[in-house]
PDB file of N, CA and C in Angstrom:
ATOM      1  N   MET A   1       0.850  -1.177   0.000  1.00  0.00           N
ATOM      2  CA  MET A   1       0.000   0.000   0.000  1.00  0.00           C
ATOM      3  C   MET A   1       0.894   1.238   0.000  1.00  0.00           C
ATOM      4  N   GLN A   2       0.553   2.179  -0.834  1.00  0.00           N
ATOM      5  CA  GLN A   2       1.367   3.374  -0.978  1.00  0.00           C
ATOM      6  C   GLN A   2       0.777   4.516  -0.163  1.00  0.00           C
ATOM      7  N   ASP A   3       1.659   5.268   0.480  1.00  0.00           N
ATOM      8  CA  ASP A   3       1.217   6.411   1.281  1.00  0.00           C
ATOM      9  C   ASP A   3       0.833   7.552   0.338  1.00  0.00           C
ATOM     10  N   THR A   4      -0.444   7.972   0.408  1.00  0.00           N
ATOM     11  CA  THR A   4      -0.921   9.008  -0.505  1.00  0.00           C
ATOM     12  C   THR A   4      -1.103  10.355   0.180  1.00  0.00           C
ATOM     13  N   THR A   5      -0.611  10.467   1.420  1.00  0.00           N
ATOM     14  CA  THR A   5      -0.754  11.759   2.097  1.00  0.00           C
ATOM     15  C   THR A   5       0.132  12.783   1.413  1.00  0.00           C
ATOM     16  N   LYS A   6      -0.375  13.979   1.300  1.00  0.00           N
ATOM     17  CA  LYS A   6       0.342  15.049   0.619  1.00  0.00           C
ATOM     18  C   LYS A   6       1.020  15.947   1.656  1.00  0.00           C
ATOM     19  N   ASN A   7       2.274  16.242   1.438  1.00  0.00           N
ATOM     20  CA  ASN A   7       2.972  17.172   2.319  1.00  0.00           C
ATOM     21  C   ASN A   7       2.511  18.581   1.993  1.00  0.00           C
ATOM     22  N   GLU A   8       1.784  19.180   2.921  1.00  0.00           N
ATOM     23  CA  GLU A   8       1.271  20.521   2.680  1.00  0.00           C
ATOM     24  C   GLU A   8       2.234  21.560   3.244  1.00  0.00           C
ATOM     25  N   ASP A   9       2.163  22.754   2.695  1.00  0.00           N
ATOM     26  CA  ASP A   9       2.978  23.852   3.199  1.00  0.00           C
ATOM     27  C   ASP A   9       2.515  24.209   4.602  1.00  0.00           C
ATOM     28  N   PRO A  10       3.413  24.746   5.424  1.00  0.00           N
ATOM     29  CA  PRO A  10       2.990  25.164   6.769  1.00  0.00           C
ATOM     30  C   PRO A  10       1.946  26.277   6.672  1.00  0.00           C
ATOM     31  N   PRO A  11       1.061  26.355   7.646  1.00  0.00           N
ATOM     32  CA  PRO A  11       0.021  27.391   7.576  1.00  0.00           C
ATOM     33  C   PRO A  11       0.628  28.788   7.569  1.00  0.00           C
ATOM     34  N   VAL A  12       0.008  29.661   6.811  1.00  0.00           N
ATOM     35  CA  VAL A  12       0.489  31.027   6.701  1.00  0.00           C
ATOM     36  C   VAL A  12       0.014  31.811   7.918  1.00  0.00           C
ATOM     37  N   GLU A  13       0.933  32.490   8.582  1.00  0.00           N
ATOM     38  CA  GLU A  13       0.553  33.286   9.753  1.00  0.00           C
ATOM     39  C   GLU A  13      -0.017  34.621   9.309  1.00  0.00           C
ATOM     40  N   ARG A  14      -1.055  35.046  10.031  1.00  0.00           N
ATOM     41  CA  ARG A  14      -1.684  36.327   9.700  1.00  0.00           C
ATOM     42  C   ARG A  14      -0.831  37.476  10.234  1.00  0.00           C
ATOM     43  N   SER A  15      -0.959  38.615   9.581  1.00  0.00           N
ATOM     44  CA  SER A  15      -0.217  39.790  10.029  1.00  0.00           C
ATOM     45  C   SER A  15      -0.855  40.346  11.298  1.00  0.00           C
ATOM     46  N   ASP A  16      -0.087  41.156  12.010  1.00  0.00           N
ATOM     47  CA  ASP A  16      -0.596  41.768  13.239  1.00  0.00           C
ATOM     48  C   ASP A  16      -1.799  42.650  12.955  1.00  0.00           C
ATOM     49  N   ALA A  17      -1.792  43.357  11.827  1.00  0.00           N
ATOM     50  CA  ALA A  17      -2.910  44.249  11.487  1.00  0.00           C
ATOM     51  C   ALA A  17      -4.211  43.454  11.375  1.00  0.00           C
ATOM     52  N   TRP A  18      -4.134  42.261  10.798  1.00  0.00           N
ATOM     53  CA  TRP A  18      -5.335  41.420  10.669  1.00  0.00           C
ATOM     54  C   TRP A  18      -5.856  41.021  12.037  1.00  0.00           C
ATOM     55  N   TRP A  19      -4.974  40.631  12.934  1.00  0.00           N
ATOM     56  CA  TRP A  19      -5.406  40.225  14.275  1.00  0.00           C
ATOM     57  C   TRP A  19      -5.962  41.405  15.061  1.00  0.00           C
ATOM     58  N   TYR A  20      -5.420  42.614  14.851  1.00  0.00           N
ATOM     59  CA  TYR A  20      -5.978  43.795  15.525  1.00  0.00           C
ATOM     60  C   TYR A  20      -7.397  44.057  15.059  1.00  0.00           C
ATOM     61  N   LYS A  21      -7.679  43.839  13.776  1.00  0.00           N
ATOM     62  CA  LYS A  21      -9.043  44.000  13.264  1.00  0.00           C
ATOM     63  C   LYS A  21      -9.977  42.976  13.894  1.00  0.00           C
ATOM     64  N   VAL A  22      -9.510  41.740  14.014  1.00  0.00           N
ATOM     65  CA  VAL A  22     -10.323  40.698  14.633  1.00  0.00           C
ATOM     66  C   VAL A  22     -10.587  41.043  16.098  1.00  0.00           C
ATOM     67  N   TYR A  23      -9.565  41.460  16.814  1.00  0.00           N
ATOM     68  CA  TYR A  23      -9.701  41.836  18.217  1.00  0.00           C
ATOM     69  C   TYR A  23     -10.695  42.985  18.368  1.00  0.00           C
ATOM     70  N   PHE A  24     -10.585  43.989  17.513  1.00  0.00           N
ATOM     71  CA  PHE A  24     -11.485  45.139  17.566  1.00  0.00           C
ATOM     72  C   PHE A  24     -12.930  44.699  17.285  1.00  0.00           C
ATOM     73  N   ALA A  25     -13.123  43.829  16.299  1.00  0.00           N
ATOM     74  CA  ALA A  25     -14.466  43.351  15.961  1.00  0.00           C
ATOM     75  C   ALA A  25     -15.079  42.570  17.119  1.00  0.00           C
ATOM     76  N   VAL A  26     -14.291  41.736  17.775  1.00  0.00           N
ATOM     77  CA  VAL A  26     -14.783  40.981  18.928  1.00  0.00           C
ATOM     78  C   VAL A  26     -15.134  41.920  20.068  1.00  0.00           C
ATOM     79  N   LEU A  27     -14.302  42.919  20.302  1.00  0.00           N
ATOM     80  CA  LEU A  27     -14.550  43.889  21.359  1.00  0.00           C
ATOM     81  C   LEU A  27     -15.842  44.671  21.094  1.00  0.00           C
ATOM     82  N   VAL A  28     -16.017  45.151  19.877  1.00  0.00           N
ATOM     83  CA  VAL A  28     -17.219  45.909  19.527  1.00  0.00           C
ATOM     84  C   VAL A  28     -18.463  45.025  19.644  1.00  0.00           C
ATOM     85  N   THR A  29     -18.380  43.798  19.152  1.00  0.00           N
ATOM     86  CA  THR A  29     -19.515  42.876  19.233  1.00  0.00           C
ATOM     87  C   THR A  29     -19.886  42.607  20.681  1.00  0.00           C
ATOM     88  N   THR A  30     -18.900  42.430  21.544  1.00  0.00           N
ATOM     89  CA  THR A  30     -19.167  42.183  22.956  1.00  0.00           C
ATOM     90  C   THR A  30     -19.876  43.372  23.599  1.00  0.00           C
ATOM     91  N   VAL A  31     -19.411  44.567  23.313  1.00  0.00           N
ATOM     92  CA  VAL A  31     -20.034  45.772  23.870  1.00  0.00           C
ATOM     93  C   VAL A  31     -21.469  45.906  23.375  1.00  0.00           C
ATOM     94  N   VAL A  32     -21.698  45.645  22.098  1.00  0.00           N
ATOM     95  CA  VAL A  32     -23.049  45.746  21.540  1.00  0.00           C
ATOM     96  C   VAL A  32     -23.979  44.719  22.178  1.00  0.00           C
ATOM     97  N   VAL A  33     -23.524  43.502  22.345  1.00  0.00           N
ATOM     98  CA  VAL A  33     -24.357  42.458  22.948  1.00  0.00           C
ATOM     99  C   VAL A  33     -24.699  42.814  24.395  1.00  0.00           C
ATOM    100  N   ILE A  34     -23.729  43.292  25.161  1.00  0.00           N
ATOM    101  CA  ILE A  34     -23.994  43.676  26.547  1.00  0.00           C
ATOM    102  C   ILE A  34     -24.984  44.837  26.603  1.00  0.00           C
ATOM    103  N   ALA A  35     -24.823  45.813  25.710  1.00  0.00           N
ATOM    104  CA  ALA A  35     -25.750  46.947  25.673  1.00  0.00           C
ATOM    105  C   ALA A  35     -27.158  46.485  25.322  1.00  0.00           C
ATOM    106  N   LEU A  36     -27.278  45.575  24.371  1.00  0.00           N
ATOM    107  CA  LEU A  36     -28.603  45.063  24.012  1.00  0.00           C
ATOM    108  C   LEU A  36     -29.232  44.283  25.161  1.00  0.00           C
ATOM    109  N   LEU A  37     -28.445  43.493  25.856  1.00  0.00           N
ATOM    110  CA  LEU A  37     -28.968  42.751  27.011  1.00  0.00           C
ATOM    111  C   LEU A  37     -29.469  43.704  28.087  1.00  0.00           C
ATOM    112  N   GLN A  38     -28.721  44.762  28.338  1.00  0.00           N
ATOM    113  CA  GLN A  38     -29.160  45.744  29.332  1.00  0.00           C
ATOM    114  C   GLN A  38     -30.428  46.460  28.874  1.00  0.00           C
ATOM    115  N   ALA A  39     -30.514  46.780  27.591  1.00  0.00           N
ATOM    116  CA  ALA A  39     -31.699  47.457  27.064  1.00  0.00           C
ATOM    117  C   ALA A  39     -32.927  46.564  27.184  1.00  0.00           C
ATOM    118  N   PHE A  40     -32.793  45.296  26.824  1.00  0.00           N
ATOM    119  CA  PHE A  40     -33.920  44.373  26.945  1.00  0.00           C
ATOM    120  C   PHE A  40     -34.312  44.175  28.402  1.00  0.00           C
ATOM    121  N   THR A  41     -33.346  44.091  29.284  1.00  0.00           N
ATOM    122  CA  THR A  41     -33.640  43.943  30.709  1.00  0.00           C
ATOM    123  C   THR A  41     -34.400  45.155  31.227  1.00  0.00           C
ATOM    124  N   TYR A  42     -33.958  46.338  30.859  1.00  0.00           N
ATOM    125  CA  TYR A  42     -34.636  47.553  31.278  1.00  0.00           C
ATOM    126  C   TYR A  42     -36.049  47.620  30.702  1.00  0.00           C
ATOM    127  N   TYR A  43     -36.190  47.278  29.423  1.00  0.00           N
ATOM    128  CA  TYR A  43     -37.485  47.358  28.758  1.00  0.00           C
ATOM    129  C   TYR A  43     -38.509  46.388  29.369  1.00  0.00           C
ATOM    130  N   PHE A  44     -38.080  45.161  29.607  1.00  0.00           N
ATOM    131  CA  PHE A  44     -39.012  44.134  30.084  1.00  0.00           C
ATOM    132  C   PHE A  44     -39.167  44.140  31.608  1.00  0.00           C
ATOM    133  N   SER A  45     -38.383  44.917  32.326  1.00  0.00           N
ATOM    134  CA  SER A  45     -38.537  44.956  33.790  1.00  0.00           C
ATOM    135  C   SER A  45     -39.668  45.877  34.212  1.00  0.00           C
ATOM    136  N   ASN A  46     -40.136  46.732  33.309  1.00  0.00           N
ATOM    137  CA  ASN A  46     -41.226  47.663  33.645  1.00  0.00           C
ATOM    138  C   ASN A  46     -42.587  47.074  33.359  1.00  0.00           C
TER     139      ASN A  46
END
């Protein structure tokens, strides 16, 4: 039986600028979700 696995190139690392964009997007999404949760809590508590 012959080994048919292919030697792939090592994964390409992302640049720091790309990771900063991802970090910023996660941060903004988290703030928006928390704000929406607080708004819904305030709205439905009355």
